[in-house]
Protein backbone atom coordinates (compact mmCIF):
# COMPACT_ATOMS: atom_id res chain seq x y z
CA MET A 1 -63.05 9.37 27.46
CA ALA A 2 -60.01 7.14 26.71
CA GLU A 3 -56.58 8.45 27.42
CA LYS A 4 -54.52 9.51 24.24
CA ARG A 5 -51.41 7.58 23.54
CA PRO A 6 -48.50 8.57 21.41
CA ALA A 7 -48.86 7.28 17.82
CA GLY A 8 -46.33 4.42 17.12
CA PRO A 9 -44.54 4.25 13.84
CA SER A 10 -46.76 3.91 10.67
CA LEU A 11 -46.63 0.61 8.80
CA GLU A 12 -44.85 2.18 5.84
CA THR A 13 -42.17 3.71 8.23
CA THR A 14 -41.70 0.18 9.91
CA GLU A 15 -41.35 -1.50 6.67
CA SER A 16 -38.82 1.20 5.35
CA LEU A 17 -36.68 0.76 8.56
CA TYR A 18 -36.95 -3.02 8.05
CA GLU A 19 -35.76 -2.80 4.58
CA LYS A 20 -32.86 -0.40 5.40
CA ALA A 21 -31.71 -2.59 8.13
CA HIS A 22 -31.76 -5.58 5.70
CA GLU A 23 -29.77 -3.60 3.27
CA LYS A 24 -27.12 -2.87 5.87
CA LEU A 25 -26.93 -6.65 6.64
CA GLN A 26 -26.50 -7.47 2.92
CA ASN A 27 -23.83 -4.88 2.46
CA ASP A 28 -21.29 -7.14 4.38
CA ALA A 29 -20.09 -8.66 1.23
CA TYR A 30 -18.75 -5.49 -0.17
CA ILE A 31 -17.19 -4.21 2.93
CA VAL A 32 -13.30 -4.20 2.91
CA SER A 33 -12.56 -2.45 6.28
CA ASP A 34 -12.87 -4.62 9.47
CA ALA A 35 -13.94 -1.51 11.56
CA TYR A 36 -16.45 -0.42 9.02
CA ARG A 37 -17.99 -3.98 8.91
CA ILE A 38 -18.33 -3.97 12.76
CA ASP A 39 -20.00 -0.62 12.76
CA ASN A 40 -22.31 -1.80 9.89
CA TYR A 41 -23.37 -4.80 11.94
CA ASN A 42 -24.04 -2.77 15.14
CA LEU A 43 -25.94 -0.14 13.18
CA ALA A 44 -28.07 -2.84 11.60
CA ALA A 45 -28.80 -4.46 14.98
CA SER A 46 -29.89 -1.15 16.43
CA MET A 47 -32.19 -0.64 13.42
CA PHE A 48 -33.65 -4.10 13.87
CA GLU A 49 -33.91 -3.57 17.67
CA GLN A 50 -36.00 -0.29 17.08
CA LEU A 51 -38.59 -2.54 15.25
CA GLY A 52 -39.55 -4.37 18.34
CA ASP A 53 -41.34 -7.75 17.41
CA TYR A 54 -41.96 -6.81 13.84
CA GLU A 55 -41.47 -9.97 11.69
CA ASP A 56 -38.19 -11.60 12.40
CA ALA A 57 -36.42 -8.38 13.55
CA PRO A 58 -35.42 -9.72 17.17
CA ALA A 59 -33.80 -12.75 15.60
CA LEU A 60 -31.98 -10.48 12.97
CA ALA A 61 -30.95 -8.06 15.60
CA GLU A 62 -29.34 -10.97 17.67
CA HIS A 63 -27.75 -12.13 14.64
CA CYS A 64 -26.21 -8.80 13.85
CA ARG A 65 -24.84 -8.49 17.38
CA GLU A 66 -23.34 -12.02 17.09
CA MET A 67 -21.66 -11.09 13.81
CA ALA A 68 -20.38 -7.81 15.13
CA ALA A 69 -18.79 -9.70 18.09
CA LEU A 70 -17.41 -12.33 15.64
CA SER A 71 -15.86 -9.62 13.40
CA GLU A 72 -14.45 -7.91 16.36
CA LYS A 73 -12.64 -11.25 17.17
CA GLU A 74 -11.56 -11.76 13.65
CA ALA A 75 -10.14 -8.25 13.49
CA GLU A 76 -8.19 -8.67 16.71
CA LYS A 77 -6.78 -12.00 15.47
CA LYS A 78 -5.84 -10.36 12.11
CA LYS A 79 -3.96 -7.60 14.13
CA TYR A 80 -2.32 -10.24 16.29
CA ASP A 81 -1.31 -12.30 13.36
CA ASP A 82 0.05 -9.31 11.52
CA ALA A 83 2.00 -8.13 14.53
CA VAL A 84 3.66 -11.69 15.00
CA ARG A 85 4.60 -11.80 11.39
CA ARG A 86 5.95 -8.42 11.36
CA MET A 87 7.85 -9.06 14.64
CA ASN A 88 9.66 -12.17 13.08
CA SER A 89 10.74 -10.07 10.06
CA ALA A 90 11.38 -6.62 11.57
CA GLN A 91 14.98 -5.79 11.00
CA THR A 92 15.31 -2.01 11.29
CA LEU A 93 14.58 0.01 14.58
CA ASP A 94 11.69 1.75 12.93
CA GLN A 95 10.07 -1.51 12.00
CA GLN A 96 10.54 -2.80 15.44
CA GLU A 97 8.94 0.21 16.91
CA LYS A 98 5.90 -0.14 14.82
CA VAL A 99 5.45 -3.73 15.80
CA LEU A 100 5.80 -2.63 19.55
CA GLU A 101 3.06 -0.08 18.94
CA GLN A 102 0.95 -2.92 17.36
CA LEU A 103 1.41 -5.15 20.34
CA ARG A 104 0.52 -2.18 22.63
CA GLU A 105 -2.79 -1.82 20.87
CA LEU A 106 -3.59 -5.51 21.45
CA GLY A 107 -3.48 -5.15 25.18
CA ASP A 108 -3.78 -8.54 26.98
CA TYR A 109 -4.85 -10.37 23.94
CA LYS A 110 -3.33 -13.99 23.90
CA ASP A 111 0.49 -13.77 24.77
CA SER A 112 0.71 -9.88 23.67
CA PRO A 113 2.09 -8.87 26.93
CA VAL A 114 4.85 -11.36 26.70
CA LEU A 115 5.64 -10.27 23.08
CA LYS A 116 5.46 -6.69 23.98
CA LYS A 117 8.14 -6.96 26.74
CA LYS A 118 10.30 -9.06 24.36
CA MET A 119 9.96 -6.42 21.64
CA GLN A 120 10.50 -3.55 24.13
CA ASP A 121 13.96 -5.17 25.00
CA VAL A 122 14.77 -5.41 21.36
CA VAL A 123 13.80 -1.68 20.81
CA ASP A 124 15.85 -0.57 23.91
CA LYS A 125 18.80 -2.43 22.68
CA GLY A 126 18.49 -0.81 19.16
CA TYR A 127 18.34 2.67 20.73
CA ARG A 128 21.52 1.91 22.69
CA LYS A 129 23.41 0.78 19.45
CA SER A 130 21.88 3.80 17.60
CA ALA A 131 23.20 6.12 20.12
CA VAL A 132 26.62 4.65 19.93
CA LYS A 133 26.66 5.07 16.16
CA ARG A 134 25.50 8.63 16.44
CA GLY A 135 28.20 9.25 18.85
CA ILE A 136 30.80 8.00 16.28
CA ILE A 137 29.32 9.92 13.56
CA LEU A 138 29.07 13.15 15.58
CA SER A 139 32.72 12.76 16.55
CA LEU A 140 33.72 12.60 12.87
CA ILE A 141 31.60 15.47 11.89
CA ALA A 142 33.06 17.68 14.72
CA ALA A 143 36.51 17.47 13.12
CA PHE A 144 35.21 19.28 10.06
CA VAL A 145 32.78 21.70 11.76
CA ILE A 146 34.82 24.82 11.14
CA PHE A 147 35.20 23.98 7.39
CA MET A 148 31.51 23.28 7.22
CA ILE A 149 30.45 26.58 8.73
CA VAL A 150 32.78 28.61 6.39
CA SER A 151 31.79 26.59 3.34
CA TRP A 152 28.01 26.52 3.94
CA TYR A 153 27.17 29.76 2.18
CA THR A 154 29.33 28.91 -0.93
CA GLY A 155 27.54 25.52 -1.46
CA ILE A 156 30.83 23.55 -0.88
CA PHE A 157 29.27 21.84 2.28
CA LYS A 158 26.09 20.71 0.50
CA TYR A 159 28.01 19.68 -2.50
CA ALA A 160 30.37 17.62 -0.20
CA MET A 161 27.35 15.88 1.53
CA GLY A 162 25.96 14.94 -1.87
CA TYR A 163 29.34 13.50 -2.83
CA VAL A 164 29.46 11.51 0.39
CA TYR A 165 25.95 10.21 -0.06
CA LEU A 166 26.76 9.25 -3.61
CA HIS A 167 29.94 7.31 -2.83
CA SER A 168 28.25 5.58 0.14
CA GLY A 169 25.41 4.22 -1.92
CA SER A 170 22.68 6.65 -0.64
CA TYR A 171 21.63 7.60 -4.23
CA SER A 172 18.32 9.13 -3.35
CA ASN A 173 19.84 11.50 -0.69
CA ALA A 174 22.64 12.39 -3.13
CA GLN A 175 20.21 13.17 -5.91
CA ALA A 176 18.19 15.45 -3.55
CA ALA A 177 21.26 17.21 -2.32
CA PHE A 178 22.66 18.06 -5.76
CA GLU A 179 19.35 19.01 -6.98
CA LYS A 180 19.02 21.68 -4.20
CA LEU A 181 22.32 23.30 -5.41
CA ASN A 182 20.74 24.98 -8.62
CA GLY A 183 23.73 24.17 -10.91
CA PHE A 184 26.48 25.00 -8.48
CA TRP A 185 29.79 23.40 -9.68
CA LYS A 186 28.38 20.83 -12.05
CA SER A 187 25.72 19.69 -9.43
CA GLU A 188 23.01 19.14 -12.27
CA GLU A 189 25.45 16.41 -13.78
CA MET A 190 26.03 14.88 -10.30
CA ALA A 191 22.19 14.75 -9.77
CA ILE A 192 21.76 12.90 -12.97
CA LYS A 193 24.66 10.59 -12.15
CA ALA A 194 23.14 9.89 -8.69
CA LYS A 195 19.86 8.97 -10.25
CA ARG A 196 21.74 6.72 -12.91
CA GLU A 197 23.68 5.03 -10.20
CA ALA A 198 20.51 4.29 -8.17
CA LEU A 199 18.97 2.33 -11.13
CA LEU A 200 22.42 0.66 -12.04
CA ASN A 201 23.01 -0.49 -8.45
CA ALA A 202 19.42 -1.44 -7.52
CA THR A 203 18.85 -4.92 -6.01
CA LYS A 204 15.85 -6.76 -4.95
CA ASP A 205 13.72 -4.92 -2.34
CA ASP A 206 15.49 -1.58 -2.84
CA VAL A 207 13.30 1.48 -3.20
CA ILE A 208 14.29 3.85 -6.00
CA PRO A 209 13.06 6.97 -7.79
CA PHE A 210 12.05 6.59 -11.43
CA GLY A 211 9.88 9.21 -13.03
CA ASN A 212 7.64 11.09 -10.68
CA TYR A 213 7.39 8.02 -8.48
CA LYS A 214 9.15 5.81 -6.14
CA TRP A 215 9.47 1.93 -6.86
CA LYS A 216 10.23 -1.10 -4.98
CA VAL A 217 12.55 -3.66 -6.88
CA LEU A 218 10.47 -6.91 -7.18
CA ASP A 219 13.25 -8.75 -9.17
CA ARG A 220 16.44 -8.15 -11.21
CA GLU A 221 17.65 -10.31 -13.97
CA GLY A 222 20.79 -8.90 -15.52
CA SER A 223 20.23 -5.34 -16.73
CA GLU A 224 16.29 -5.64 -16.37
CA LEU A 225 14.52 -4.55 -13.34
CA LEU A 226 10.85 -5.44 -12.45
CA LEU A 227 9.48 -2.65 -10.33
CA ILE A 228 6.28 -2.02 -8.32
CA ALA A 229 4.95 1.36 -7.12
CA ALA A 230 6.23 1.72 -3.49
CA SER A 231 5.42 4.94 -1.69
CA ILE A 232 1.75 6.02 -2.18
CA GLY A 233 1.15 9.09 -0.08
CA GLU A 234 -2.03 11.15 0.26
CA ASP A 235 -1.16 13.18 -2.86
CA SER A 236 -0.06 10.25 -5.01
CA ASP A 237 -1.67 9.73 -8.40
CA PHE A 238 -2.00 6.08 -7.35
CA ARG A 239 -3.77 6.59 -4.11
CA SER A 240 -7.49 6.68 -5.11
CA VAL A 241 -8.51 5.25 -8.38
CA VAL A 242 -11.29 2.92 -9.88
CA PHE A 243 -10.69 -0.06 -12.04
CA SER A 244 -13.62 0.98 -14.40
CA GLU A 245 -16.38 3.48 -14.26
CA LYS A 246 -19.71 2.66 -12.70
CA ASP A 247 -21.70 0.10 -14.94
CA GLU A 248 -18.63 -0.65 -16.98
CA LYS A 249 -18.04 -4.36 -17.01
CA ALA A 250 -14.61 -4.19 -18.46
CA ASP A 251 -11.54 -6.54 -17.80
CA TRP A 252 -8.12 -5.47 -17.67
CA ALA A 253 -7.70 -5.31 -21.48
CA ASP A 254 -10.43 -2.48 -22.00
CA SER A 255 -10.49 -0.99 -18.44
CA SER A 256 -10.36 2.69 -17.93
CA LEU A 257 -7.47 2.02 -15.44
CA ARG A 258 -5.22 0.38 -18.09
CA ALA A 259 -6.09 3.25 -20.50
CA TRP A 260 -5.02 5.84 -17.84
CA LEU A 261 -1.80 4.08 -16.86
CA ASN A 262 -0.60 3.51 -20.43
CA GLY A 263 -1.86 6.89 -21.54
CA GLU A 264 -1.63 9.85 -19.19
CA VAL A 265 0.63 8.31 -16.61
CA TYR A 266 3.08 6.85 -19.28
CA GLU A 267 3.27 10.28 -21.20
CA ASN A 268 3.58 12.73 -18.18
CA GLY A 269 4.94 10.56 -15.36
CA PHE A 270 8.26 10.04 -17.05
CA THR A 271 10.84 11.87 -19.12
CA SER A 272 11.44 10.82 -22.75
CA GLU A 273 14.71 9.15 -21.59
CA GLU A 274 13.01 7.17 -18.93
CA ARG A 275 10.34 6.01 -21.29
CA ALA A 276 13.09 4.79 -23.56
CA LEU A 277 14.24 2.43 -20.86
CA MET A 278 10.75 1.00 -20.22
CA ILE A 279 9.91 -2.26 -21.81
CA LEU A 280 6.56 -3.03 -23.43
CA GLN A 281 5.61 -5.95 -21.42
CA GLN A 282 3.85 -9.01 -22.92
CA VAL A 283 1.32 -9.46 -20.25
CA PRO A 284 -0.18 -12.99 -20.14
CA GLY A 285 -3.95 -13.71 -19.58
CA THR A 286 -5.00 -14.42 -16.05
CA VAL A 287 -7.53 -16.75 -14.48
CA ASN A 288 -9.28 -16.57 -11.33
CA GLU A 289 -8.89 -20.29 -10.22
CA THR A 290 -11.52 -20.09 -7.56
CA TYR A 291 -14.50 -18.52 -9.71
CA LYS A 292 -12.98 -19.56 -13.15
CA THR A 293 -13.26 -15.93 -14.55
CA LYS A 294 -10.70 -14.89 -17.01
CA ALA A 295 -8.93 -11.81 -18.55
CA ASP A 296 -7.14 -11.78 -21.78
CA GLY A 297 -3.33 -11.02 -22.15
CA THR A 298 -2.16 -7.39 -23.25
CA GLN A 299 0.89 -5.55 -24.15
CA ASP A 300 1.56 -2.77 -21.50
CA TYR A 301 4.22 -0.35 -20.27
CA LEU A 302 2.45 -0.18 -17.04
CA THR A 303 0.45 -3.14 -15.85
CA LEU A 304 -0.77 -4.67 -12.52
CA LEU A 305 0.19 -8.00 -10.83
CA SER A 306 -2.17 -11.01 -11.33
CA ALA A 307 -3.36 -13.22 -8.49
CA GLU A 308 -0.96 -15.87 -10.01
CA ASP A 309 1.99 -13.41 -9.60
CA CYS A 310 1.27 -12.63 -6.03
CA PRO A 311 3.04 -15.73 -4.38
CA LEU A 312 6.27 -15.18 -6.50
CA TYR A 313 6.89 -11.81 -4.67
CA GLN A 314 4.94 -12.29 -1.37
CA ASP A 315 7.93 -11.14 0.86
CA ALA A 316 8.03 -7.81 -1.03
CA LEU A 317 4.28 -7.44 -1.10
CA ASP A 318 4.14 -7.99 2.82
CA THR A 319 5.80 -4.68 3.19
CA LEU A 320 3.38 -2.62 1.08
CA SER A 321 0.25 -1.21 2.83
CA LEU A 322 -3.18 -0.25 1.45
CA ASP A 323 -5.61 -2.21 -0.51
CA TYR A 324 -4.82 -2.22 -4.15
CA TYR A 325 -6.27 -3.73 -7.36
CA LEU A 326 -5.06 -6.82 -9.26
CA ARG A 327 -5.74 -7.47 -13.04
CA THR A 328 -7.34 -10.77 -12.20
CA PRO A 329 -11.23 -10.69 -12.27
CA GLY A 330 -13.31 -11.33 -9.27
CA GLU A 331 -16.19 -13.74 -8.76
CA ASN A 332 -18.02 -12.25 -11.80
CA GLU A 333 -17.76 -9.51 -14.44
CA THR A 334 -18.77 -6.67 -12.16
CA LYS A 335 -15.96 -7.33 -9.54
CA GLN A 336 -12.19 -7.27 -9.60
CA ALA A 337 -9.69 -9.17 -7.31
CA TYR A 338 -7.47 -7.06 -4.99
CA ILE A 339 -4.74 -7.30 -2.36
CA SER A 340 -5.78 -6.61 1.16
CA GLY A 341 -3.39 -4.36 2.83
CA GLY A 342 -4.17 -6.02 6.17
CA SER A 343 -3.60 -9.65 5.21
CA HIS A 344 -1.39 -9.09 2.11
CA GLU A 345 -3.26 -11.76 0.37
CA PRO A 346 -5.29 -11.67 -2.88
CA LEU A 347 -9.06 -11.60 -2.22
CA LEU A 348 -10.34 -13.48 -5.18
CA PHE A 349 -14.07 -12.79 -4.70
CA GLY A 350 -13.27 -9.16 -5.47
CA CYS A 351 -14.89 -5.85 -5.04
CA PRO A 352 -17.13 -3.62 -7.38
CA LYS A 353 -14.97 -2.28 -10.22
CA ASP A 354 -15.92 1.35 -9.41
CA THR A 355 -14.51 1.05 -5.80
CA VAL A 356 -12.08 3.85 -4.93
CA MET A 357 -8.91 1.97 -4.15
CA ALA A 358 -5.15 2.21 -4.46
CA VAL A 359 -3.25 0.94 -7.46
CA ARG A 360 0.34 -0.27 -7.52
CA PRO A 361 1.46 -0.26 -11.28
CA VAL A 362 4.38 -2.67 -12.32
CA ILE A 363 6.75 -1.66 -14.93
CA ARG A 364 9.99 -3.32 -16.35
CA VAL A 365 13.06 -1.28 -17.40
CA ASP A 366 16.09 -2.36 -19.32
CA LEU A 367 19.31 -0.67 -18.13
CA SER A 368 21.52 -2.02 -20.76
CA ASP A 369 21.74 1.20 -22.78
CA LEU A 370 22.16 3.23 -19.46
CA ALA A 371 25.15 1.01 -18.41
CA GLY A 372 26.92 1.79 -21.65
CA GLU A 373 26.81 5.51 -21.25
CA GLU A 374 29.99 7.41 -20.29
């Protein structure tokens, strides 16, 4: 009697696995994350390798492994290029420490060890300077310590700190300090003044509060400020959105994103006084120069940058993380262009319009009436 052998995979199972592996391979065009792309290639390779000599599975497995290795090299190069760019522009100690951490993660890649030592020296020097500054500040504070202790429970100390913040130009800290005083000694009026001063004195690249959000100043012309959403934390309204719902092939003019921004966000994200300062923007049409797709112009209080806008504000955009939508269409009507938070460049081929992604609205405010207030 012949020896029984374990049954191999059925033809249907083999075909199914082959199709799933193929699907993994074809998904590469829609993947934004480098890490996910590498994992996707390796998983597809493993699936093809399970198929043995079935059709062209060996060649496809080898191709996937090669693409995974290539993607790893490209990801490492991106990290290196980003670290070098940030190293050249890092001004604050916090920024320099972040660059140092990036260089540590790169290990021995290219001249990373040399750059790491150079940045370590810069950070150490920054700490020494910071220590000196802290010593001076602590010495000044020590002179008032008895008064601070006595006045703490009456609110005078907190009020004094808010006053110091206000007159040193730290308007956000001043506003927060006065708001915590719950009406003590005209603190409500001072909080409003701090918020007003933050707007009136805002300059390019400042981050200021407006409405329920924080905004980065992209440009200032006279009394007009052009602002883009800056801080997008885990709980932010702008953290995870879609451009249009699944199967909607909407451009910016009739997208669900535009309707939400100029409806719910506009009505609930700002006070009536703040809405009075917001300008109804004449938003021009936009053209994807690579794929010749177009979107019509609109009138919006909250809009998005177009691909054409990005070079005008590249320095400011380089400081903003996350992937976020642009209003320029992608390669076809099912896709939308977006900014890559890793490269900070517009990706014109786009991603599916129902991809969950961040959004950075752009608003324009006119401070002329605010400047005239007593």
